[in-house]
Amino acid sequence: MTGAEIEAKLRAALPDAHVQMTDLTGTSDHWKVLVVSVAFHGKSHLERHRMINTLFAQELKGPIHALTMDLVTPDEHH
């Protein structure tokens, strides 16, 4: 799965999101993603990760082997 495909799916679910993708291995299956969105406001670290893991449940069974996530609100983003 390409970074553009992951980013498009994130933006569809979180239209306000700022997304930054990093391919950790060059093989398009180990990704690091920074997502900045107001949707994370009031949610715990675990709740934020569950949101994204649910969104990519199918992809995490195959085309994505690892997804490292930094999920923050605009106020938390430095």
C-alpha atoms as a PDB file:
ATOM      1  CA  MET A   1       0.000   0.000   0.000  1.00  0.00           C
ATOM      2  CA  THR A   2       1.456   3.337  -0.992  1.00  0.00           C
ATOM      3  CA  GLY A   3       1.861   6.333   1.248  1.00  0.00           C
ATOM      4  CA  ALA A   4      -0.539   8.237  -0.987  1.00  0.00           C
ATOM      5  CA  GLU A   5      -3.203   5.553  -0.494  1.00  0.00           C
ATOM      6  CA  ILE A   6      -2.758   5.604   3.272  1.00  0.00           C
ATOM      7  CA  GLU A   7      -2.859   9.398   3.308  1.00  0.00           C
ATOM      8  CA  ALA A   8      -6.015   9.457   1.155  1.00  0.00           C
ATOM      9  CA  LYS A   9      -7.777   7.046   3.512  1.00  0.00           C
ATOM     10  CA  LEU A  10      -6.746   9.115   6.540  1.00  0.00           C
ATOM     11  CA  ARG A  11      -7.928  12.348   4.891  1.00  0.00           C
ATOM     12  CA  ALA A  12     -11.260  10.750   3.968  1.00  0.00           C
ATOM     13  CA  ALA A  13     -11.822   9.792   7.610  1.00  0.00           C
ATOM     14  CA  LEU A  14     -10.298  12.967   9.101  1.00  0.00           C
ATOM     15  CA  PRO A  15     -10.809  15.763   6.544  1.00  0.00           C
ATOM     16  CA  ASP A  16      -9.007  18.391   8.647  1.00  0.00           C
ATOM     17  CA  ALA A  17      -5.932  16.209   9.148  1.00  0.00           C
ATOM     18  CA  HIS A  18      -2.367  17.170   8.409  1.00  0.00           C
ATOM     19  CA  VAL A  19      -0.663  13.901   7.424  1.00  0.00           C
ATOM     20  CA  GLN A  20       3.045  13.197   7.076  1.00  0.00           C
ATOM     21  CA  MET A  21       4.124   9.760   5.837  1.00  0.00           C
ATOM     22  CA  THR A  22       7.528   8.098   6.133  1.00  0.00           C
ATOM     23  CA  ASP A  23       8.346   4.745   4.494  1.00  0.00           C
ATOM     24  CA  LEU A  24      10.643   3.185   7.092  1.00  0.00           C
ATOM     25  CA  THR A  25      12.076   0.407   4.915  1.00  0.00           C
ATOM     26  CA  GLY A  26      11.536   1.480   1.312  1.00  0.00           C
ATOM     27  CA  THR A  27       9.227  -1.497   0.772  1.00  0.00           C
ATOM     28  CA  SER A  28       5.869   0.292   1.304  1.00  0.00           C
ATOM     29  CA  ASP A  29       4.850  -2.040   4.117  1.00  0.00           C
ATOM     30  CA  HIS A  30       6.458  -0.411   7.183  1.00  0.00           C
ATOM     31  CA  TRP A  31       5.193   3.129   7.713  1.00  0.00           C
ATOM     32  CA  LYS A  32       5.509   5.922  10.204  1.00  0.00           C
ATOM     33  CA  VAL A  33       2.677   8.429  10.114  1.00  0.00           C
ATOM     34  CA  LEU A  34       2.141  11.753  11.825  1.00  0.00           C
ATOM     35  CA  VAL A  35      -1.508  12.770  11.930  1.00  0.00           C
ATOM     36  CA  VAL A  36      -2.561  16.128  13.343  1.00  0.00           C
ATOM     37  CA  SER A  37      -6.334  16.434  13.732  1.00  0.00           C
ATOM     38  CA  VAL A  38      -8.932  18.041  15.973  1.00  0.00           C
ATOM     39  CA  ALA A  39     -10.649  14.613  15.991  1.00  0.00           C
ATOM     40  CA  PHE A  40      -8.106  13.509  18.623  1.00  0.00           C
ATOM     41  CA  HIS A  41      -9.135  16.267  21.062  1.00  0.00           C
ATOM     42  CA  GLY A  42     -10.276  14.771  24.373  1.00  0.00           C
ATOM     43  CA  LYS A  43      -9.178  11.260  23.406  1.00  0.00           C
ATOM     44  CA  SER A  44      -6.511   9.239  25.188  1.00  0.00           C
ATOM     45  CA  HIS A  45      -3.397   7.925  23.460  1.00  0.00           C
ATOM     46  CA  LEU A  46      -5.009   4.471  23.311  1.00  0.00           C
ATOM     47  CA  GLU A  47      -8.309   5.783  21.925  1.00  0.00           C
ATOM     48  CA  ARG A  48      -6.465   7.632  19.158  1.00  0.00           C
ATOM     49  CA  HIS A  49      -4.533   4.508  18.161  1.00  0.00           C
ATOM     50  CA  ARG A  50      -7.707   2.438  18.194  1.00  0.00           C
ATOM     51  CA  MET A  51      -9.344   4.926  15.813  1.00  0.00           C
ATOM     52  CA  ILE A  52      -6.569   4.502  13.256  1.00  0.00           C
ATOM     53  CA  ASN A  53      -6.132   0.754  13.788  1.00  0.00           C
ATOM     54  CA  THR A  54      -9.865   0.305  13.167  1.00  0.00           C
ATOM     55  CA  LEU A  55      -9.633   2.405  10.015  1.00  0.00           C
ATOM     56  CA  PHE A  56      -6.808   0.205   8.674  1.00  0.00           C
ATOM     57  CA  ALA A  57      -7.947  -3.147  10.110  1.00  0.00           C
ATOM     58  CA  GLN A  58      -7.943  -4.923   6.732  1.00  0.00           C
ATOM     59  CA  GLU A  59      -4.696  -3.369   5.529  1.00  0.00           C
ATOM     60  CA  LEU A  60      -2.892  -4.331   8.742  1.00  0.00           C
ATOM     61  CA  LYS A  61      -3.668  -7.985   7.952  1.00  0.00           C
ATOM     62  CA  GLY A  62      -1.578  -7.872   4.799  1.00  0.00           C
ATOM     63  CA  PRO A  63      -0.229  -4.973   2.792  1.00  0.00           C
ATOM     64  CA  ILE A  64       0.822  -2.990   5.884  1.00  0.00           C
ATOM     65  CA  HIS A  65       3.074  -4.969   8.207  1.00  0.00           C
ATOM     66  CA  ALA A  66       3.886  -2.113  10.587  1.00  0.00           C
ATOM     67  CA  LEU A  67       2.302   1.267  11.213  1.00  0.00           C
ATOM     68  CA  THR A  68       4.015   3.536  13.725  1.00  0.00           C
ATOM     69  CA  MET A  69       1.763   6.442  14.646  1.00  0.00           C
ATOM     70  CA  ASP A  70       2.136   9.891  16.158  1.00  0.00           C
ATOM     71  CA  LEU A  71      -1.445  11.120  16.620  1.00  0.00           C
ATOM     72  CA  VAL A  72      -1.838  14.624  18.006  1.00  0.00           C
ATOM     73  CA  THR A  73      -4.198  17.568  18.126  1.00  0.00           C
ATOM     74  CA  PRO A  74      -3.181  20.880  16.560  1.00  0.00           C
ATOM     75  CA  ASP A  75      -2.489  22.248  20.070  1.00  0.00           C
ATOM     76  CA  GLU A  76      -0.136  19.344  20.814  1.00  0.00           C
ATOM     77  CA  HIS A  77       1.758  19.614  17.539  1.00  0.00           C
ATOM     78  CA  HIS A  78       5.104  21.413  17.859  1.00  0.00           C
END
